[in-house]
């Protein structure tokens, strides 16, 4: 077995248990993070209306030009700053952080720290 076959069900199980405990509202949307080996994605979700307020990722054209590789800590910091700027422009200051089943370490923590430094509160 390869590591991915062992790891993916564990991540999915953690994500389900996290999502039972938290959800996004209009006042406090959910900052959902997903990371793959090549890219990192973040989006603000209002679960009451089932709407994505804004999103940012290392695949976006304006961010992709700044990044040499989308799957590292530097890319996570840039995406964190971008999602914070878009959220503040949309009138959102406070969010609920959803790490998506991933451990709060490395790229996920870097994205969260960069979003906090750029003005989001969670």
N, C-alpha and C. Protein backbone atom coordinates (compact mmCIF):
# COMPACT_ATOMS: atom_id res chain seq x y z
N UNK A 1 0.84 -1.19 0.00
CA UNK A 1 0.00 0.00 0.00
C UNK A 1 0.87 1.24 0.00
N UNK A 2 0.41 2.23 -0.72
CA UNK A 2 1.13 3.49 -0.69
C UNK A 2 0.57 4.37 0.43
N UNK A 3 1.37 5.35 0.83
CA UNK A 3 0.99 6.18 1.97
C UNK A 3 -0.33 6.91 1.76
N UNK A 4 -0.59 7.33 0.52
CA UNK A 4 -1.81 8.08 0.24
C UNK A 4 -3.06 7.25 0.51
N UNK A 5 -3.01 5.96 0.22
CA UNK A 5 -4.16 5.10 0.46
C UNK A 5 -4.43 4.94 1.95
N UNK A 6 -3.40 5.06 2.76
CA UNK A 6 -3.56 4.96 4.21
C UNK A 6 -3.99 6.30 4.79
N UNK A 7 -3.43 7.40 4.28
CA UNK A 7 -3.64 8.73 4.86
C UNK A 7 -5.00 9.32 4.51
N UNK A 8 -5.46 9.17 3.28
CA UNK A 8 -6.68 9.84 2.83
C UNK A 8 -7.91 9.50 3.65
N UNK A 9 -8.18 8.23 3.98
CA UNK A 9 -9.35 7.95 4.83
C UNK A 9 -9.24 8.59 6.22
N UNK A 10 -8.04 8.68 6.75
CA UNK A 10 -7.86 9.33 8.05
C UNK A 10 -8.20 10.81 7.98
N UNK A 11 -7.77 11.47 6.91
CA UNK A 11 -8.07 12.89 6.72
C UNK A 11 -9.57 13.08 6.57
N UNK A 12 -10.23 12.22 5.79
CA UNK A 12 -11.67 12.32 5.59
C UNK A 12 -12.43 12.11 6.90
N UNK A 13 -11.98 11.19 7.72
CA UNK A 13 -12.63 10.94 9.01
C UNK A 13 -12.48 12.14 9.93
N UNK A 14 -11.29 12.73 9.97
CA UNK A 14 -11.08 13.92 10.80
C UNK A 14 -11.93 15.08 10.30
N UNK A 15 -12.05 15.23 8.98
CA UNK A 15 -12.83 16.32 8.42
C UNK A 15 -14.31 16.17 8.79
N UNK A 16 -14.84 14.97 8.75
CA UNK A 16 -16.23 14.75 9.12
C UNK A 16 -16.46 15.12 10.58
N UNK A 17 -15.55 14.75 11.47
CA UNK A 17 -15.75 15.05 12.88
C UNK A 17 -15.62 16.53 13.15
N UNK A 18 -14.77 17.22 12.38
CA UNK A 18 -14.63 18.67 12.52
C UNK A 18 -15.90 19.37 12.05
N UNK A 19 -16.45 18.93 10.91
CA UNK A 19 -17.62 19.59 10.32
C UNK A 19 -18.88 19.41 11.15
N UNK A 20 -18.93 18.38 12.00
CA UNK A 20 -20.06 18.21 12.90
C UNK A 20 -20.07 19.35 13.91
N UNK A 21 -18.89 19.80 14.31
CA UNK A 21 -18.77 20.78 15.38
C UNK A 21 -18.83 22.23 14.91
N UNK A 22 -18.53 22.50 13.65
CA UNK A 22 -18.51 23.89 13.20
C UNK A 22 -19.20 24.05 11.86
N UNK A 23 -19.76 25.25 11.66
CA UNK A 23 -20.34 25.61 10.37
C UNK A 23 -20.27 27.12 10.23
N UNK A 24 -20.30 27.58 9.01
CA UNK A 24 -20.21 29.00 8.74
C UNK A 24 -21.57 29.66 8.73
N UNK A 25 -21.62 30.89 9.22
CA UNK A 25 -22.84 31.67 9.19
C UNK A 25 -22.60 32.92 8.36
N UNK A 26 -23.61 33.74 8.22
CA UNK A 26 -23.45 34.97 7.46
C UNK A 26 -22.48 35.91 8.16
N UNK A 27 -22.55 35.98 9.51
CA UNK A 27 -21.65 36.86 10.26
C UNK A 27 -20.24 36.27 10.34
N UNK A 28 -20.16 34.95 10.51
CA UNK A 28 -18.88 34.26 10.65
C UNK A 28 -18.79 33.13 9.62
N UNK A 29 -18.39 33.45 8.38
CA UNK A 29 -18.27 32.38 7.39
C UNK A 29 -17.13 31.42 7.73
N UNK A 30 -17.18 30.26 7.14
CA UNK A 30 -16.18 29.22 7.39
C UNK A 30 -15.03 29.39 6.40
N UNK A 31 -13.81 29.50 6.93
CA UNK A 31 -12.61 29.56 6.10
C UNK A 31 -12.12 28.14 5.90
N UNK A 32 -12.49 27.53 4.77
CA UNK A 32 -12.16 26.15 4.48
C UNK A 32 -10.84 26.09 3.71
N UNK A 33 -9.95 25.20 4.16
CA UNK A 33 -8.63 25.05 3.55
C UNK A 33 -8.52 23.65 2.98
N UNK A 34 -8.00 23.56 1.76
CA UNK A 34 -7.67 22.27 1.15
C UNK A 34 -6.27 22.38 0.59
N UNK A 35 -5.48 21.36 0.82
CA UNK A 35 -4.14 21.35 0.27
C UNK A 35 -3.89 20.05 -0.48
N UNK A 36 -3.24 20.18 -1.61
CA UNK A 36 -2.78 19.02 -2.35
C UNK A 36 -1.26 19.11 -2.40
N UNK A 37 -0.64 18.19 -3.06
CA UNK A 37 0.82 18.24 -3.11
C UNK A 37 1.32 19.39 -3.97
N UNK A 38 0.51 19.83 -4.93
CA UNK A 38 0.96 20.89 -5.85
C UNK A 38 0.37 22.26 -5.56
N UNK A 39 -0.78 22.33 -4.87
CA UNK A 39 -1.46 23.61 -4.67
C UNK A 39 -2.13 23.68 -3.31
N UNK A 40 -2.57 24.88 -2.95
CA UNK A 40 -3.34 25.09 -1.73
C UNK A 40 -4.51 26.01 -2.07
N UNK A 41 -5.67 25.72 -1.48
CA UNK A 41 -6.90 26.43 -1.79
C UNK A 41 -7.54 26.90 -0.49
N UNK A 42 -8.19 28.07 -0.52
CA UNK A 42 -8.93 28.58 0.63
C UNK A 42 -10.20 29.27 0.11
N UNK A 43 -11.29 29.07 0.84
CA UNK A 43 -12.52 29.75 0.46
C UNK A 43 -13.36 30.04 1.70
N UNK A 44 -14.09 31.13 1.63
CA UNK A 44 -15.01 31.51 2.69
C UNK A 44 -16.40 31.03 2.29
N UNK A 45 -17.03 30.25 3.16
CA UNK A 45 -18.31 29.63 2.83
C UNK A 45 -19.35 30.02 3.87
N UNK A 46 -20.51 30.47 3.39
CA UNK A 46 -21.67 30.71 4.24
C UNK A 46 -22.56 29.48 4.14
N UNK A 47 -22.53 28.65 5.18
CA UNK A 47 -23.27 27.38 5.15
C UNK A 47 -24.78 27.56 5.30
N UNK A 48 -25.22 28.68 5.84
CA UNK A 48 -26.66 28.92 5.95
C UNK A 48 -27.29 29.14 4.58
N UNK A 49 -26.59 29.88 3.72
CA UNK A 49 -27.10 30.16 2.38
C UNK A 49 -26.49 29.25 1.32
N UNK A 50 -25.53 28.40 1.71
CA UNK A 50 -24.80 27.54 0.78
C UNK A 50 -24.15 28.35 -0.33
N UNK A 51 -23.41 29.38 0.06
CA UNK A 51 -22.78 30.29 -0.88
C UNK A 51 -21.30 30.44 -0.53
N UNK A 52 -20.48 30.49 -1.56
CA UNK A 52 -19.07 30.82 -1.36
C UNK A 52 -18.92 32.32 -1.46
N UNK A 53 -18.44 32.95 -0.38
CA UNK A 53 -18.30 34.40 -0.33
C UNK A 53 -17.13 34.84 -1.20
N UNK A 54 -15.97 34.22 -1.02
CA UNK A 54 -14.80 34.50 -1.84
C UNK A 54 -13.83 33.34 -1.74
N UNK A 55 -12.88 33.31 -2.66
CA UNK A 55 -11.92 32.22 -2.65
C UNK A 55 -10.58 32.71 -3.18
N UNK A 56 -9.54 31.97 -2.81
CA UNK A 56 -8.19 32.24 -3.30
C UNK A 56 -7.44 30.92 -3.34
N UNK A 57 -6.55 30.79 -4.30
CA UNK A 57 -5.75 29.58 -4.39
C UNK A 57 -4.46 29.86 -5.13
N UNK A 58 -3.56 28.90 -5.06
CA UNK A 58 -2.29 29.05 -5.76
C UNK A 58 -2.45 28.82 -7.25
N UNK A 59 -3.67 28.52 -7.70
CA UNK A 59 -3.95 28.32 -9.12
C UNK A 59 -4.41 29.62 -9.78
N UNK A 60 -4.88 30.59 -8.98
CA UNK A 60 -5.36 31.87 -9.51
C UNK A 60 -4.26 32.52 -10.35
N UNK A 61 -4.68 33.16 -11.44
CA UNK A 61 -3.71 33.74 -12.38
C UNK A 61 -2.82 34.79 -11.73
N UNK A 62 -3.42 35.69 -10.94
CA UNK A 62 -2.62 36.76 -10.34
C UNK A 62 -1.65 36.23 -9.29
N UNK A 63 -2.01 35.17 -8.59
CA UNK A 63 -1.12 34.60 -7.58
C UNK A 63 -0.11 33.64 -8.18
N UNK A 64 -0.49 32.98 -9.26
CA UNK A 64 0.39 31.99 -9.88
C UNK A 64 1.66 32.65 -10.44
N UNK A 65 1.52 33.91 -10.88
CA UNK A 65 2.68 34.63 -11.41
C UNK A 65 3.71 34.91 -10.32
N UNK A 66 3.26 35.10 -9.09
CA UNK A 66 4.15 35.42 -7.97
C UNK A 66 4.87 34.19 -7.43
N UNK A 67 4.32 33.00 -7.68
CA UNK A 67 4.80 31.78 -7.05
C UNK A 67 5.61 30.92 -8.00
N UNK A 68 6.71 30.38 -7.47
CA UNK A 68 7.48 29.42 -8.25
C UNK A 68 6.82 28.05 -8.19
N UNK A 69 6.31 27.70 -7.01
CA UNK A 69 5.64 26.41 -6.81
C UNK A 69 4.45 26.64 -5.89
N UNK A 70 3.33 26.03 -6.17
CA UNK A 70 2.11 26.27 -5.41
C UNK A 70 1.94 25.41 -4.18
N UNK A 71 2.83 24.45 -3.96
CA UNK A 71 2.66 23.52 -2.86
C UNK A 71 3.66 23.67 -1.75
N UNK A 72 4.04 24.91 -1.44
CA UNK A 72 4.99 25.11 -0.34
C UNK A 72 4.47 26.17 0.63
N UNK A 73 5.22 26.44 1.68
CA UNK A 73 4.80 27.36 2.73
C UNK A 73 4.70 28.79 2.20
N UNK A 74 5.58 29.20 1.31
CA UNK A 74 5.53 30.54 0.75
C UNK A 74 4.22 30.76 -0.01
N UNK A 75 3.80 29.75 -0.76
CA UNK A 75 2.53 29.84 -1.49
C UNK A 75 1.36 29.92 -0.51
N UNK A 76 1.42 29.19 0.59
CA UNK A 76 0.36 29.22 1.58
C UNK A 76 0.25 30.61 2.20
N UNK A 77 1.37 31.26 2.44
CA UNK A 77 1.36 32.61 3.00
C UNK A 77 0.72 33.60 2.03
N UNK A 78 1.05 33.49 0.76
CA UNK A 78 0.49 34.39 -0.25
C UNK A 78 -1.02 34.17 -0.38
N UNK A 79 -1.46 32.92 -0.37
CA UNK A 79 -2.89 32.61 -0.46
C UNK A 79 -3.62 33.11 0.79
N UNK A 80 -3.00 32.99 1.95
CA UNK A 80 -3.60 33.50 3.19
C UNK A 80 -3.80 35.00 3.15
N UNK A 81 -2.81 35.73 2.66
CA UNK A 81 -2.95 37.18 2.53
C UNK A 81 -4.04 37.54 1.52
N UNK A 82 -4.09 36.80 0.42
CA UNK A 82 -5.08 37.08 -0.64
C UNK A 82 -6.50 36.83 -0.14
N UNK A 83 -6.72 35.74 0.58
CA UNK A 83 -8.08 35.46 1.07
C UNK A 83 -8.49 36.49 2.11
N UNK A 84 -7.55 36.96 2.91
CA UNK A 84 -7.87 37.99 3.90
C UNK A 84 -8.26 39.31 3.23
N UNK A 85 -7.53 39.69 2.19
CA UNK A 85 -7.85 40.93 1.47
C UNK A 85 -9.22 40.84 0.82
N UNK A 86 -9.52 39.69 0.20
CA UNK A 86 -10.82 39.51 -0.45
C UNK A 86 -11.95 39.49 0.58
N UNK A 87 -11.69 38.89 1.73
CA UNK A 87 -12.71 38.83 2.78
C UNK A 87 -13.00 40.22 3.32
N UNK A 88 -11.97 41.00 3.58
CA UNK A 88 -12.17 42.35 4.09
C UNK A 88 -12.89 43.22 3.06
N UNK A 89 -12.59 43.00 1.78
CA UNK A 89 -13.29 43.74 0.73
C UNK A 89 -14.77 43.35 0.66
N UNK A 90 -15.08 42.10 1.02
CA UNK A 90 -16.46 41.63 1.02
C UNK A 90 -17.18 41.98 2.32
N UNK A 91 -16.48 42.60 3.25
CA UNK A 91 -17.10 43.03 4.50
C UNK A 91 -17.07 41.99 5.61
N UNK A 92 -16.17 41.02 5.51
CA UNK A 92 -16.06 39.97 6.51
C UNK A 92 -14.77 40.19 7.31
N UNK A 93 -14.91 40.27 8.63
CA UNK A 93 -13.73 40.45 9.48
C UNK A 93 -13.43 39.22 10.33
N UNK A 94 -14.48 38.51 10.76
CA UNK A 94 -14.33 37.35 11.63
C UNK A 94 -14.78 36.10 10.88
N UNK A 95 -14.00 35.03 11.03
CA UNK A 95 -14.32 33.77 10.36
C UNK A 95 -14.15 32.61 11.34
N UNK A 96 -14.64 31.44 10.93
CA UNK A 96 -14.43 30.20 11.65
C UNK A 96 -13.47 29.38 10.80
N UNK A 97 -12.38 28.92 11.39
CA UNK A 97 -11.34 28.23 10.62
C UNK A 97 -11.63 26.74 10.53
N UNK A 98 -11.68 26.23 9.30
CA UNK A 98 -11.90 24.81 9.03
C UNK A 98 -10.64 24.28 8.35
N UNK A 99 -9.87 23.50 9.07
CA UNK A 99 -8.61 23.00 8.54
C UNK A 99 -8.79 21.82 7.60
N UNK A 100 -10.02 21.38 7.41
CA UNK A 100 -10.33 20.38 6.41
C UNK A 100 -9.79 19.00 6.71
N UNK A 101 -9.59 18.66 7.98
CA UNK A 101 -9.08 17.35 8.32
C UNK A 101 -7.57 17.27 8.32
N UNK A 102 -6.91 18.31 7.84
CA UNK A 102 -5.46 18.34 7.83
C UNK A 102 -4.96 18.81 9.19
N UNK A 103 -3.78 18.37 9.57
CA UNK A 103 -3.20 18.80 10.83
C UNK A 103 -2.85 20.28 10.76
N UNK A 104 -3.01 20.99 11.88
CA UNK A 104 -2.68 22.41 11.94
C UNK A 104 -1.16 22.51 12.07
N UNK A 105 -0.50 22.41 10.92
CA UNK A 105 0.95 22.35 10.90
C UNK A 105 1.40 22.67 9.49
N UNK A 106 2.55 23.26 9.33
CA UNK A 106 3.11 23.49 8.01
C UNK A 106 2.32 24.48 7.19
N UNK A 107 1.85 24.04 6.02
CA UNK A 107 1.17 24.94 5.09
C UNK A 107 -0.16 25.45 5.62
N UNK A 108 -0.90 24.61 6.33
CA UNK A 108 -2.20 25.03 6.88
C UNK A 108 -1.99 26.11 7.93
N UNK A 109 -1.01 25.92 8.80
CA UNK A 109 -0.71 26.92 9.83
C UNK A 109 -0.18 28.20 9.22
N UNK A 110 0.64 28.08 8.17
CA UNK A 110 1.19 29.27 7.50
C UNK A 110 0.07 30.09 6.86
N UNK A 111 -0.89 29.43 6.23
CA UNK A 111 -2.02 30.14 5.63
C UNK A 111 -2.83 30.85 6.71
N UNK A 112 -3.09 30.17 7.82
CA UNK A 112 -3.87 30.77 8.90
C UNK A 112 -3.14 31.98 9.50
N UNK A 113 -1.85 31.85 9.74
CA UNK A 113 -1.07 32.96 10.32
C UNK A 113 -1.04 34.16 9.38
N UNK A 114 -0.87 33.90 8.09
CA UNK A 114 -0.84 35.00 7.12
C UNK A 114 -2.20 35.71 7.04
N UNK A 115 -3.28 34.94 7.13
CA UNK A 115 -4.63 35.54 7.10
C UNK A 115 -4.86 36.39 8.34
N UNK A 116 -4.38 35.91 9.49
CA UNK A 116 -4.51 36.69 10.72
C UNK A 116 -3.71 38.00 10.63
N UNK A 117 -2.49 37.92 10.13
CA UNK A 117 -1.65 39.11 10.01
C UNK A 117 -2.25 40.12 9.04
N UNK A 118 -2.97 39.63 8.04
CA UNK A 118 -3.58 40.53 7.04
C UNK A 118 -4.90 41.11 7.51
N UNK A 119 -5.40 40.70 8.70
CA UNK A 119 -6.58 41.37 9.24
C UNK A 119 -7.77 40.50 9.58
N UNK A 120 -7.76 39.21 9.24
CA UNK A 120 -8.88 38.35 9.62
C UNK A 120 -8.76 37.95 11.08
N UNK A 121 -9.89 37.79 11.73
CA UNK A 121 -9.90 37.37 13.14
C UNK A 121 -10.55 36.01 13.26
N UNK A 122 -9.81 35.08 13.89
CA UNK A 122 -10.34 33.76 14.23
C UNK A 122 -9.43 33.12 15.24
